[in-house]
Structures are given as C-alpha cells and as structure tokens.
Amino acid sequence: MDYLNNPYVSLILSLLALLPFIHLLRHRRHRLPPSPTGLPIVGHLHLLSGIPHRSLHQLSLRLGPLFSLRLGAIPCVVASSAATAAKFFKTHDTSFSNRPNTIAVSVLTYGSSNFSFAPYGAFWRFTKRLYMTELFSSRTLSQFRPLRRDELRQLLSELHAKGKQGVAVDVGAELTRLTNNVTTRMAVSRRCSGTDGEADEMRRLVLETTGLLGKFNVGDYVWFLRGLDLQGLGRRLKDLHRRFDGMLEKIMKEKEEERRQRKEEVVKAKDLLDILMDIYEDEHAEDIFTGGTDNTSLTVQWALAELINHPPAMEKAKAELDAVTGGRRLVDEPDIPHLPYLQAVITETLRLHPPTPLIPRESSDDCTVDGFDIPARTRLFINAWAIGRDPEVWHRPLDFSPERFLPDGDGASGAKGNQFQMIPFGGGKRGCPGMTAAMQIVQSTLAALIQCFEWEIAGGGGPADMGEEPGLTLQRATPLMCVPAARMDLAALSPGIFV
C-alpha cells in the first residue's frame, strides 16, 4: 500500500508539519514565560533526563525562576523559586487547585476519584474536611500513639537481633515495614507481619505506585501515541491496579464481615476505615496506604544517611538524646519538643530531600503571573527540590547543616510551607493534610534509631550513596544497607524494647 498517497496519512502529516507554526502563533497571542527551543511534535520532552527535577533545575538556571515548556501537545510552566511558588500557592491558588489527570492517575485512582487527585470542588472539599477533622485530628492521632510505640519497639528488637549476628539490614525495607504496619493498623486494625508475604507485597505495591505515578509517559503528551503504549507503562499500570484492587477488596470484605459480627457491641476504639464506613461506603484506603508509607520511610532513610555521612551531626544528635532520656529509657513522642537538634536534622533533610520533588498542578482558567499569560489547562510543576537548594535563599545550599534551623540559626521558616522557602509537604489548598501524622512517625523513629544503635554502611563502612531515582517521590538510587550495633543495654531501657 502506498501510504503517502493515502488521504488520511497525508492529512496527519500535514497537521504534524503545522504544529511548530501553531505553537509560534500561540506564543504571539499570549505573553508566555521564556521557553527553550523545542522540536516538532515532542516539544521539549527531549530535555527531560531520567531525573526530571534535576533537568528542570538546570533549565531554570538558564531561563529564570519561571519558564514554559511544551511537552508534546501539553503546555507547561515550571516554578523554581520561593517567590514564584508563592504566586501560585497564594495569589493564584484557586486557579491552580487541580492536579493533572494523567494515564497513570486515571488507571490507579479510579478516574481521579481519590483525595490526592480528585478535581477541586465540593467532593474534594468534603474529603479534605473529613481528613482534617476525623482521620488526622489530634484526638485520632493521640488514640493511636500506643500503636505507633508498639511497632517501633518491635522494629528495634528485630534490628538488635540482626545487629548481634552482624547481619546487614536494608534500612529502607525495615522502615517501610514499620510504616506499613503503623498505617495498616491505624487504617484497618491489621498488621502486615510479613509471615505470608503480605508485607513484601504491600511494599512492592507502594513503590510501584509512586514510581509509575512519577513516570513521564509519552502517551500523556503526544495524543496520537496514547493508545500505543510504547513504553509498556500501560500494561504495568493495569497489572498494578489489578493487584492493588485485589488487596483493597480483601481488606474491605474482611472489615465488612468484622463490622457485621460486632454490630451489637459498643466499639471503644475505631480504626480509620471504621470512621470512613460510619460516614459512607468509601474507597479512600489507597490514599492512606501510598501517602502514609512511602514518604515517611524515605524521609527517615535520607536523614539517617545524611547523619552517617556527617559524624559531627550524628554525635550532636546522640548527645541531645542521651541528655533528655538520661540513657535509662527509650525516647518517646512527648520528648520531641525537647529535642531541637533532632528536629533541625529532620527539617534540613526535608529541605535537601523533599518527599515529592515536583509538585504538579493544572490551571482551571486563564491568569497572569509575573506579567506572563498562563492559559487555562496549563500544567504547572513547582520544583520543590530546586527551591530547597536556591542560593538566593539558603547560605551554602548544598551543605547538610541542621544548625541553620536552630533558634539562633539563619534558616528559613521551616517545613510548613508558609513562606515557601521549602515546601516538602506542598502548599496552598492542596498541601498534605497528613503532615502532622507523618512527622510524628519520622521524629520518633529517627530518634530511636539514633539513640539505640551505631550505624555503619555494610561492606566496610564508607559514606552512604546519596544518588536519587526518578518517581513521584524522591526514591534512593541504591538501598541503604547498614549493620546496626547496639549503643547500650537495650533490654535495660524503660519501657523494655523486647516485647
């Protein structure tokens, strides 16, 4: 068949040839932010390396803190400074309160029906109110404190046993198991013990979900390639959705049966799924699992790796913990306000290693930012990773220096995103509602790991690798493999670690 003489093929080729001219006309009609030279059809997709937040940071050094891209047919803008992020999170927050609906989001979140990706509107506002008043209220978090404590003691006991044998542990895997157990016990009153492989499957599902949600899928940007699945991501997404759906369905059925059996009883303590089911039949569990495990585990891993690579900081953290606990009891959540250096370590970790390095949004209407026109349905990427390393804001921005966040330090306002010098939990209306819950686990877990163990990189010591891997969350390129050695007689600590 002579494809060049086929009228449909000729029409498609003609339209493709016109794309660069359509793009130029659009630039003339709108005063868009500066943009690098693009290519026909793919636009600027070729400029994104394997780690997009780093590629976009390099472009910002050349183009400025606000620039535009065309990823295939999708218009995008990138914000790389605190001042620019503030414009979107404050002045234009309502215009940029939606998240992009990508292929991965549509498949994994039932058509953007969960809280993280639902369109801004009545349903999303109701769900956020539910999260803030019920799921992550101070009352609910206080109720689950003994649960968090119990899981932490079990982790310490397992690490102690492996340390005595001189066995290297995958810190990331151990921390993910901890946060999985905390999250599932809070959410559905069950523990992923790992005896039947359930914990490992949960870990794989979480890692695959955040990894695939963060992939740049060419089908999202070049419309005529959407159905071809050139990267094989579509097949992986469908398989992941099937496995995640099966796990959630099993949990929901077990919960329904449990509720039927106890419907005549007075329930003193409800888990998060009980709370949701009391209000309406819901499927928000996936939000809780993926958001509650991956980010929390990663932050502790990055913090511990930084401390291993900076022995003076590690010694300061140990000395502070020993002074507060007296070396006679295990550090506890009420101790955290009395551990300013530990808090500074975590804040500095979040500055350098934000859990979500690129915060995606999408405009719902036309607006003007810094004198530039941004049309409706433009995709926005706020580069939290670049903002945390901005030399205009931070002194020696690449250095790990917790001292900057001590009361007499020169650090910015911290991790809450009010001044946008660092935004590890996002900002504006769609800032993370689970920040308080996540920080409770991060702080108490890191404190206990530092208090109870000396940490050495497996294979003869040396610095921890700080390489990154692409994804929705800031994954480590290599596992953090360490040999833990007890700093003290753990069995003598009160309350006892061995349970």
Protein backbone atom coordinates (compact mmCIF):
# COMPACT_ATOMS: atom_id res chain seq x y z
CA MET A 1 0.00 0.00 0.00
CA ASP A 2 1.26 3.47 -0.92
CA TYR A 3 0.94 5.24 2.45
CA LEU A 4 1.98 8.62 1.07
CA ASN A 5 -0.99 8.59 -1.32
CA ASN A 6 -3.41 7.69 1.46
CA PRO A 7 -5.51 10.85 2.15
CA TYR A 8 -5.73 10.17 5.91
CA VAL A 9 -1.97 9.73 6.25
CA SER A 10 -1.38 12.89 4.20
CA LEU A 11 -3.77 14.83 6.45
CA ILE A 12 -1.99 13.66 9.62
CA LEU A 13 1.42 14.52 8.19
CA SER A 14 0.18 17.96 7.18
CA LEU A 15 -1.19 18.64 10.67
CA LEU A 16 2.09 17.50 12.23
CA ALA A 17 4.03 19.82 9.97
CA LEU A 18 1.83 22.73 11.10
CA LEU A 19 2.38 22.12 14.83
CA PRO A 20 5.51 24.33 15.13
CA PHE A 21 3.68 27.22 13.42
CA ILE A 22 0.62 26.77 15.65
CA HIS A 23 2.98 26.91 18.63
CA LEU A 24 4.56 30.15 17.36
CA LEU A 25 1.12 31.75 16.83
CA ARG A 26 0.13 30.76 20.34
CA HIS A 27 3.26 32.41 21.75
CA ARG A 28 2.41 35.61 19.86
CA ARG A 29 -1.16 35.61 21.14
CA HIS A 30 -0.05 35.04 24.74
CA ARG A 31 2.93 36.57 26.51
CA LEU A 32 4.22 33.27 27.85
CA PRO A 33 7.19 32.81 30.19
CA PRO A 34 10.55 32.26 28.45
CA SER A 35 10.99 28.89 26.80
CA PRO A 36 13.90 26.89 25.33
CA THR A 37 13.94 25.85 21.69
CA GLY A 38 11.61 22.91 21.11
CA LEU A 39 11.18 20.24 18.49
CA PRO A 40 8.15 19.43 16.32
CA ILE A 41 5.66 17.04 17.90
CA VAL A 42 7.66 16.22 21.06
CA GLY A 43 8.24 19.84 22.07
CA HIS A 44 10.68 19.80 24.99
CA LEU A 45 10.29 16.17 26.09
CA HIS A 46 13.85 15.52 24.90
CA LEU A 47 15.18 17.95 27.52
CA LEU A 48 13.95 15.85 30.44
CA SER A 49 16.55 13.35 31.64
CA GLY A 50 15.93 10.31 33.80
CA ILE A 51 15.57 12.58 36.86
CA PRO A 52 13.15 15.36 35.79
CA HIS A 53 13.51 17.66 38.81
CA ARG A 54 17.24 17.93 38.14
CA SER A 55 16.71 18.61 34.41
CA LEU A 56 14.17 21.32 35.17
CA HIS A 57 16.53 22.86 37.73
CA GLN A 58 19.25 23.14 35.09
CA LEU A 59 16.81 24.81 32.71
CA SER A 60 15.81 27.31 35.42
CA LEU A 61 19.46 28.37 35.81
CA ARG A 62 19.36 29.46 32.17
CA LEU A 63 15.75 30.66 31.77
CA GLY A 64 14.90 32.04 35.21
CA PRO A 65 12.61 31.00 38.07
CA LEU A 66 9.50 30.86 35.85
CA PHE A 67 9.68 29.35 32.39
CA SER A 68 7.40 27.49 29.99
CA LEU A 69 7.68 24.20 28.18
CA ARG A 70 5.65 22.27 25.67
CA LEU A 71 5.69 18.58 26.49
CA GLY A 72 4.23 17.10 23.35
CA ALA A 73 0.94 18.96 22.96
CA ILE A 74 0.68 19.91 26.66
CA PRO A 75 1.60 23.49 27.65
CA CYS A 76 3.51 23.61 30.93
CA VAL A 77 5.11 26.16 33.24
CA VAL A 78 7.78 25.47 35.85
CA ALA A 79 8.28 27.44 39.09
CA SER A 80 11.73 27.12 40.67
CA SER A 81 11.91 29.83 43.37
CA ALA A 82 10.14 30.53 46.64
CA ALA A 83 8.81 33.88 45.38
CA THR A 84 7.36 32.29 42.25
CA ALA A 85 5.88 29.36 44.18
CA ALA A 86 4.17 31.86 46.49
CA LYS A 87 2.41 33.42 43.50
CA PHE A 88 0.83 30.08 42.64
CA PHE A 89 0.17 28.89 46.20
CA LYS A 90 -1.28 32.19 47.45
CA THR A 91 -2.35 34.67 44.79
CA HIS A 92 -3.45 32.08 42.22
CA ASP A 93 -4.11 29.05 44.42
CA THR A 94 -7.73 28.68 43.30
CA SER A 95 -6.72 28.77 39.63
CA PHE A 96 -4.14 26.01 40.22
CA SER A 97 -6.03 23.74 42.61
CA ASN A 98 -6.39 20.81 40.22
CA ARG A 99 -3.91 18.03 39.66
CA PRO A 100 -3.15 16.78 36.13
CA ASN A 101 -5.20 13.76 35.04
CA THR A 102 -2.53 11.51 33.52
CA ILE A 103 -2.94 7.95 32.25
CA ALA A 104 -1.36 6.61 35.45
CA VAL A 105 -3.62 8.72 37.66
CA SER A 106 -6.73 7.65 35.76
CA VAL A 107 -5.89 3.94 36.00
CA LEU A 108 -4.60 3.82 39.58
CA THR A 109 -7.12 6.17 41.22
CA TYR A 110 -10.36 5.04 39.60
CA GLY A 111 -10.55 8.02 37.27
CA SER A 112 -9.11 10.60 39.73
CA SER A 113 -11.74 9.73 42.34
CA ASN A 114 -9.42 9.66 45.37
CA PHE A 115 -8.47 12.61 47.55
CA SER A 116 -4.96 13.18 46.21
CA PHE A 117 -6.04 13.58 42.59
CA ALA A 118 -9.73 14.47 42.71
CA PRO A 119 -10.68 17.71 40.89
CA TYR A 120 -11.05 20.75 43.12
CA GLY A 121 -14.72 21.06 44.05
CA ALA A 122 -17.39 20.01 46.53
CA PHE A 123 -16.27 16.36 46.74
CA TRP A 124 -12.62 17.29 47.29
CA ARG A 125 -13.50 19.92 49.95
CA PHE A 126 -15.69 17.42 51.79
CA THR A 127 -12.95 14.79 51.72
CA LYS A 128 -10.31 17.21 53.00
CA ARG A 129 -12.61 18.25 55.84
CA LEU A 130 -13.05 14.56 56.67
CA TYR A 131 -9.28 14.02 56.72
CA MET A 132 -8.63 17.04 58.93
CA THR A 133 -11.50 16.56 61.43
CA GLU A 134 -11.54 12.78 61.67
CA LEU A 135 -8.60 10.90 60.20
CA PHE A 136 -5.76 13.26 61.18
CA SER A 137 -7.26 15.13 64.12
CA SER A 138 -5.21 15.44 67.31
CA ARG A 139 -7.74 13.16 69.04
CA THR A 140 -7.31 10.39 66.46
CA LEU A 141 -3.52 10.69 66.39
CA SER A 142 -3.36 10.57 70.18
CA GLN A 143 -5.55 7.45 70.18
CA PHE A 144 -3.02 5.63 68.00
CA ARG A 145 0.09 6.63 69.96
CA PRO A 146 0.40 3.25 71.81
CA LEU A 147 0.14 1.51 68.43
CA ARG A 148 3.00 3.55 66.98
CA ARG A 149 5.06 2.88 70.09
CA ASP A 150 4.45 -0.86 69.89
CA GLU A 151 5.53 -1.08 66.25
CA LEU A 152 8.67 0.96 66.93
CA ARG A 153 9.70 -1.35 69.78
CA GLN A 154 9.23 -4.37 67.54
CA LEU A 155 11.44 -2.80 64.87
CA LEU A 156 14.17 -2.04 67.41
CA SER A 157 14.04 -5.59 68.73
CA GLU A 158 14.43 -7.04 65.21
CA LEU A 159 17.31 -4.68 64.41
CA HIS A 160 19.03 -5.60 67.67
CA ALA A 161 18.80 -9.31 66.86
CA LYS A 162 20.27 -8.81 63.39
CA GLY A 163 22.97 -6.49 64.73
CA LYS A 164 24.16 -9.12 67.23
CA GLN A 165 24.58 -11.52 64.32
CA GLY A 166 26.50 -8.90 62.33
CA VAL A 167 23.85 -9.05 59.60
CA ALA A 168 23.46 -6.09 57.25
CA VAL A 169 19.92 -4.77 57.06
CA ASP A 170 18.13 -2.97 54.26
CA VAL A 171 17.11 0.09 56.25
CA GLY A 172 14.56 1.13 53.66
CA ALA A 173 12.83 -2.26 53.72
CA GLU A 174 12.74 -2.29 57.53
CA LEU A 175 11.36 1.24 57.71
CA THR A 176 8.77 0.54 55.03
CA ARG A 177 7.63 -2.50 57.01
CA LEU A 178 7.34 -0.31 60.11
CA THR A 179 5.32 2.39 58.36
CA ASN A 180 3.20 -0.24 56.58
CA ASN A 181 2.36 -1.82 59.91
CA VAL A 182 1.60 1.51 61.58
CA THR A 183 -0.52 2.64 58.64
CA THR A 184 -2.48 -0.60 58.22
CA ARG A 185 -3.09 -0.91 61.95
CA MET A 186 -4.33 2.67 62.08
CA ALA A 187 -6.37 2.23 58.90
CA VAL A 188 -7.81 -1.29 59.17
CA SER A 189 -6.63 -2.75 62.51
CA ARG A 190 -4.33 -5.30 60.95
CA ARG A 191 -0.58 -5.79 60.85
CA CYS A 192 1.40 -6.76 57.75
CA SER A 193 3.58 -9.18 59.67
CA GLY A 194 5.28 -10.49 56.57
CA THR A 195 4.83 -14.17 57.52
CA ASP A 196 2.66 -14.79 54.45
CA GLY A 197 4.42 -12.36 52.11
CA GLU A 198 1.73 -9.72 52.57
CA ALA A 199 4.14 -7.09 53.88
CA ASP A 200 6.52 -7.56 50.96
CA GLU A 201 3.63 -7.34 48.50
CA MET A 202 2.40 -4.15 50.19
CA ARG A 203 5.88 -2.64 49.93
CA ARG A 204 6.11 -3.56 46.25
CA LEU A 205 2.68 -2.09 45.54
CA VAL A 206 3.54 1.21 47.23
CA LEU A 207 6.90 1.53 45.47
CA GLU A 208 5.41 0.64 42.08
CA THR A 209 2.53 3.08 42.56
CA THR A 210 4.72 6.07 43.40
CA GLY A 211 7.20 5.08 40.70
CA LEU A 212 4.60 4.82 37.92
CA LEU A 213 2.74 7.96 39.01
CA GLY A 214 6.01 9.86 38.63
CA LYS A 215 6.99 8.48 35.21
CA PHE A 216 6.86 10.83 32.23
CA ASN A 217 4.59 8.80 29.95
CA VAL A 218 4.89 9.96 26.34
CA GLY A 219 1.24 8.98 25.82
CA ASP A 220 0.20 11.77 28.21
CA TYR A 221 1.76 14.39 25.97
CA VAL A 222 1.62 13.12 22.36
CA TRP A 223 -2.04 12.34 21.77
CA PHE A 224 -1.72 10.03 18.77
CA LEU A 225 0.68 7.79 20.76
CA ARG A 226 -1.69 7.48 23.72
CA GLY A 227 -3.09 4.10 22.67
CA LEU A 228 0.20 2.55 21.52
CA ASP A 229 1.81 2.11 24.96
CA LEU A 230 5.31 2.49 23.52
CA GLN A 231 6.97 2.39 26.96
CA GLY A 232 4.95 -0.56 28.22
CA LEU A 233 3.64 1.56 31.11
CA GLY A 234 0.00 0.86 30.28
CA ARG A 235 0.42 -2.88 30.81
CA ARG A 236 2.26 -2.29 34.08
CA LEU A 237 -0.42 0.13 35.27
CA LYS A 238 -3.24 -2.31 34.59
CA ASP A 239 -1.40 -5.12 36.37
CA LEU A 240 -0.64 -2.87 39.35
CA HIS A 241 -4.25 -1.69 39.52
CA ARG A 242 -5.48 -5.30 39.47
CA ARG A 243 -3.16 -6.28 42.34
CA PHE A 244 -3.89 -3.16 44.41
CA ASP A 245 -7.62 -3.56 43.81
CA GLY A 246 -7.45 -7.19 44.92
CA MET A 247 -5.67 -6.25 48.14
CA LEU A 248 -8.13 -3.46 48.94
CA GLU A 249 -11.14 -5.64 48.15
CA LYS A 250 -9.85 -8.33 50.50
CA ILE A 251 -9.37 -5.77 53.28
CA MET A 252 -12.80 -4.22 52.72
CA LYS A 253 -14.58 -7.60 52.77
CA GLU A 254 -12.82 -8.61 55.98
CA LYS A 255 -13.75 -5.28 57.55
CA GLU A 256 -17.40 -5.60 56.48
CA GLU A 257 -17.58 -9.08 57.98
CA GLU A 258 -15.94 -7.87 61.18
CA ARG A 259 -18.42 -4.99 61.45
CA ARG A 260 -21.37 -7.34 60.92
CA GLN A 261 -20.16 -9.59 63.73
CA ARG A 262 -19.71 -6.75 66.20
CA LYS A 263 -22.66 -4.53 65.21
CA GLU A 264 -24.37 -5.14 68.53
CA GLU A 265 -21.24 -4.31 70.53
CA VAL A 266 -20.05 -0.94 71.77
CA VAL A 267 -16.81 -0.21 69.91
CA LYS A 268 -14.39 1.76 72.08
CA ALA A 269 -11.63 2.33 69.52
CA LYS A 270 -12.24 2.64 65.80
CA ASP A 271 -9.68 2.49 63.04
CA LEU A 272 -9.71 4.88 60.11
CA LEU A 273 -11.74 2.58 57.89
CA ASP A 274 -14.37 2.30 60.62
CA ILE A 275 -14.57 6.10 60.65
CA LEU A 276 -14.97 6.19 56.87
CA MET A 277 -17.58 3.44 56.85
CA ASP A 278 -19.52 5.20 59.58
CA ILE A 279 -19.91 8.17 57.25
CA TYR A 280 -20.41 6.43 53.92
CA GLU A 281 -19.15 3.48 51.91
CA ASP A 282 -15.82 4.80 50.65
CA GLU A 283 -12.59 3.73 48.94
CA HIS A 284 -10.08 6.22 50.39
CA ALA A 285 -7.89 3.46 51.81
CA GLU A 286 -5.47 3.61 48.84
CA ASP A 287 -4.68 7.27 49.62
CA ILE A 288 -3.77 6.37 53.19
CA PHE A 289 -1.54 3.42 52.23
CA THR A 290 0.52 5.10 49.50
CA GLY A 291 0.81 8.50 51.17
CA GLY A 292 1.38 7.13 54.65
CA THR A 293 4.16 4.66 53.98
CA ASP A 294 6.49 5.73 51.20
CA ASN A 295 7.12 9.37 52.12
CA THR A 296 7.59 8.65 55.83
CA SER A 297 10.03 5.80 55.26
CA LEU A 298 12.03 7.81 52.70
CA THR A 299 12.48 10.81 54.99
CA VAL A 300 13.91 8.65 57.78
CA GLN A 301 16.23 6.93 55.29
CA TRP A 302 17.56 10.21 53.87
CA ALA A 303 18.02 11.64 57.39
CA LEU A 304 19.92 8.59 58.65
CA ALA A 305 22.10 8.56 55.52
CA GLU A 306 22.96 12.24 56.00
CA LEU A 307 23.89 11.65 59.64
CA ILE A 308 26.08 8.67 58.71
CA ASN A 309 27.87 10.90 56.20
CA HIS A 310 28.23 13.73 58.76
CA PRO A 311 29.59 12.20 62.01
CA PRO A 312 29.69 15.51 63.96
CA ALA A 313 25.96 15.97 63.35
CA MET A 314 25.33 12.37 64.42
CA GLU A 315 27.26 12.92 67.66
CA LYS A 316 25.28 16.08 68.44
CA ALA A 317 22.00 14.22 67.92
CA LYS A 318 23.14 11.36 70.18
CA ALA A 319 24.30 13.72 72.93
CA GLU A 320 20.98 15.57 72.89
CA LEU A 321 19.02 12.30 73.13
CA ASP A 322 21.18 11.00 75.97
CA ALA A 323 20.73 14.25 77.88
CA VAL A 324 16.94 14.17 77.55
CA THR A 325 16.44 10.45 78.27
CA GLY A 326 19.33 10.02 80.70
CA GLY A 327 20.26 6.86 78.82
CA ARG A 328 17.78 4.94 81.00
CA ARG A 329 14.62 4.95 78.90
CA LEU A 330 13.58 4.80 75.30
CA VAL A 331 12.87 8.17 73.70
CA ASP A 332 9.13 8.84 73.29
CA GLU A 333 6.93 11.22 71.31
CA PRO A 334 6.46 13.68 74.25
CA ASP A 335 10.26 14.13 74.23
CA ILE A 336 10.31 15.60 70.72
CA PRO A 337 9.69 19.26 71.74
CA HIS A 338 12.80 18.97 73.96
CA LEU A 339 14.97 17.75 71.04
CA PRO A 340 15.58 20.86 68.93
CA TYR A 341 18.65 19.43 67.20
CA LEU A 342 16.78 16.30 66.14
CA GLN A 343 14.01 18.49 64.73
CA ALA A 344 16.62 20.57 62.91
CA VAL A 345 18.13 17.40 61.39
CA ILE A 346 14.73 16.40 60.01
CA THR A 347 13.95 19.88 58.70
CA GLU A 348 17.32 20.05 56.96
CA THR A 349 16.68 16.60 55.47
CA LEU A 350 13.31 17.75 54.12
CA ARG A 351 14.99 20.82 52.59
CA LEU A 352 17.54 18.74 50.69
CA HIS A 353 15.35 15.69 50.04
CA PRO A 354 11.67 16.75 49.76
CA PRO A 355 9.42 13.66 49.60
CA THR A 356 7.72 14.99 46.45
CA PRO A 357 10.40 16.81 44.42
CA LEU A 358 7.98 18.05 41.72
CA ILE A 359 4.55 19.26 42.80
CA PRO A 360 2.12 19.02 39.85
CA ARG A 361 -0.92 21.25 39.35
CA GLU A 362 -3.10 22.32 36.42
CA SER A 363 -4.79 25.67 35.77
CA SER A 364 -8.56 25.80 35.56
CA ASP A 365 -8.75 29.28 34.00
CA ASP A 366 -6.61 31.95 32.36
CA CYS A 367 -4.42 34.01 34.68
CA THR A 368 -1.42 36.32 34.70
CA VAL A 369 1.64 35.60 36.84
CA ASP A 370 4.61 37.99 36.97
CA GLY A 371 3.29 39.70 33.85
CA PHE A 372 3.13 36.45 31.86
CA ASP A 373 -0.08 34.99 30.43
CA ILE A 374 -0.85 31.43 31.51
CA PRO A 375 -3.82 29.92 29.67
CA ALA A 376 -6.32 27.52 31.21
CA ARG A 377 -5.35 23.81 31.24
CA THR A 378 -1.66 24.64 31.50
CA ARG A 379 0.27 22.12 33.56
CA LEU A 380 2.31 23.54 36.43
CA PHE A 381 5.36 21.92 38.02
CA ILE A 382 6.62 23.50 41.23
CA ASN A 383 10.19 22.28 41.71
CA ALA A 384 10.35 21.79 45.49
CA TRP A 385 13.77 20.15 45.13
CA ALA A 386 15.22 23.26 43.42
CA ILE A 387 13.54 25.69 45.83
CA GLY A 388 15.17 23.95 48.81
CA ARG A 389 18.58 24.49 47.18
CA ASP A 390 18.12 28.07 45.99
CA PRO A 391 21.35 30.04 46.74
CA GLU A 392 19.28 33.25 46.82
CA VAL A 393 17.56 31.93 49.96
CA TRP A 394 19.96 29.46 51.56
CA HIS A 395 23.55 30.03 52.67
CA ARG A 396 25.73 27.20 51.31
CA PRO A 397 22.58 25.47 49.99
CA LEU A 398 24.20 22.12 49.15
CA ASP A 399 25.64 21.63 52.65
CA PHE A 400 23.87 19.46 55.20
CA SER A 401 23.75 21.86 58.14
CA PRO A 402 20.99 21.27 60.75
CA GLU A 403 22.38 24.22 62.73
CA ARG A 404 20.69 26.60 60.30
CA PHE A 405 17.33 25.57 61.83
CA LEU A 406 18.27 26.02 65.47
CA PRO A 407 16.80 29.07 67.25
CA ASP A 408 19.93 31.14 66.61
CA GLY A 409 20.44 29.80 63.07
CA ASP A 410 19.91 31.60 59.78
CA GLY A 411 17.38 29.13 58.36
CA ALA A 412 14.01 29.98 56.91
CA SER A 413 10.63 29.31 58.48
CA GLY A 414 10.83 25.54 58.45
CA ALA A 415 8.86 22.82 56.72
CA LYS A 416 5.30 24.11 56.90
CA GLY A 417 5.38 26.00 53.63
CA ASN A 418 4.14 29.35 54.96
CA GLN A 419 6.97 31.33 53.38
CA PHE A 420 7.64 28.77 50.62
CA GLN A 421 11.43 28.72 51.10
CA MET A 422 10.94 24.99 51.44
CA ILE A 423 7.77 23.09 50.61
CA PRO A 424 8.27 19.36 51.32
CA PHE A 425 4.54 18.94 52.02
CA GLY A 426 3.27 21.17 49.22
CA GLY A 427 1.30 24.32 49.91
CA GLY A 428 -1.96 26.12 49.38
CA LYS A 429 -5.28 24.33 49.43
CA ARG A 430 -3.75 21.03 48.35
CA GLY A 431 -0.99 20.92 50.93
CA CYS A 432 -0.59 17.50 52.58
CA PRO A 433 -3.22 17.02 55.33
CA GLY A 434 -1.21 14.18 56.89
CA MET A 435 1.89 16.27 57.67
CA THR A 436 1.44 16.09 61.46
CA ALA A 437 0.92 12.32 61.42
CA ALA A 438 3.93 11.80 59.17
CA MET A 439 6.19 13.98 61.31
CA GLN A 440 5.23 12.10 64.47
CA ILE A 441 6.42 8.82 62.94
CA VAL A 442 9.54 10.36 61.34
CA GLN A 443 10.68 12.11 64.51
CA SER A 444 10.13 9.25 66.95
CA THR A 445 11.58 6.62 64.59
CA LEU A 446 14.75 8.56 63.73
CA ALA A 447 15.24 9.45 67.41
CA ALA A 448 15.04 5.79 68.47
CA LEU A 449 17.37 4.60 65.70
CA ILE A 450 19.99 7.17 66.73
CA GLN A 451 19.59 6.54 70.46
CA CYS A 452 19.78 2.74 70.29
CA PHE A 453 22.32 1.96 67.55
CA GLU A 454 25.61 2.84 65.96
CA TRP A 455 25.23 2.69 62.18
CA GLU A 456 27.88 1.57 59.71
CA ILE A 457 27.50 1.15 55.97
CA ALA A 458 27.73 -2.52 55.02
CA GLY A 459 30.87 -3.68 53.26
CA GLY A 460 33.49 -1.89 55.30
CA GLY A 461 31.91 1.45 56.10
CA GLY A 462 32.33 4.50 53.92
CA PRO A 463 29.82 7.18 53.01
CA ALA A 464 26.23 6.38 52.17
CA ASP A 465 25.34 6.75 48.49
CA MET A 466 23.07 9.79 48.05
CA GLY A 467 22.02 9.09 44.46
CA GLU A 468 18.36 9.57 43.50
CA GLU A 469 15.92 7.62 41.38
CA PRO A 470 13.05 9.18 39.39
CA GLY A 471 9.46 8.83 40.55
CA LEU A 472 6.59 10.69 42.18
CA THR A 473 8.53 10.51 45.46
CA LEU A 474 12.26 11.02 45.98
CA GLN A 475 13.47 7.42 45.92
CA ARG A 476 17.03 6.41 46.74
CA ALA A 477 19.01 5.04 43.79
CA THR A 478 20.56 2.31 45.97
CA PRO A 479 19.25 0.67 49.16
CA LEU A 480 20.69 1.93 52.44
CA MET A 481 22.42 -1.24 53.68
CA CYS A 482 23.79 -0.91 57.23
CA VAL A 483 24.96 -3.01 60.14
CA PRO A 484 23.36 -1.77 63.41
CA ALA A 485 25.35 -2.16 66.63
CA ALA A 486 23.66 -1.53 69.98
CA ARG A 487 24.90 1.62 71.79
CA MET A 488 23.63 0.45 75.19
CA ASP A 489 21.93 -2.40 77.00
CA LEU A 490 18.61 -2.18 75.18
CA ALA A 491 16.94 -4.70 77.46
CA ALA A 492 17.53 -2.37 80.43
CA LEU A 493 15.76 0.59 78.84
CA SER A 494 12.39 1.50 80.31
CA PRO A 495 9.89 0.65 78.94
CA GLY A 496 11.51 -2.54 77.69
CA ILE A 497 12.25 -2.79 74.00
CA PHE A 498 11.80 -6.55 73.88
CA VAL A 499 8.09 -7.31 73.77
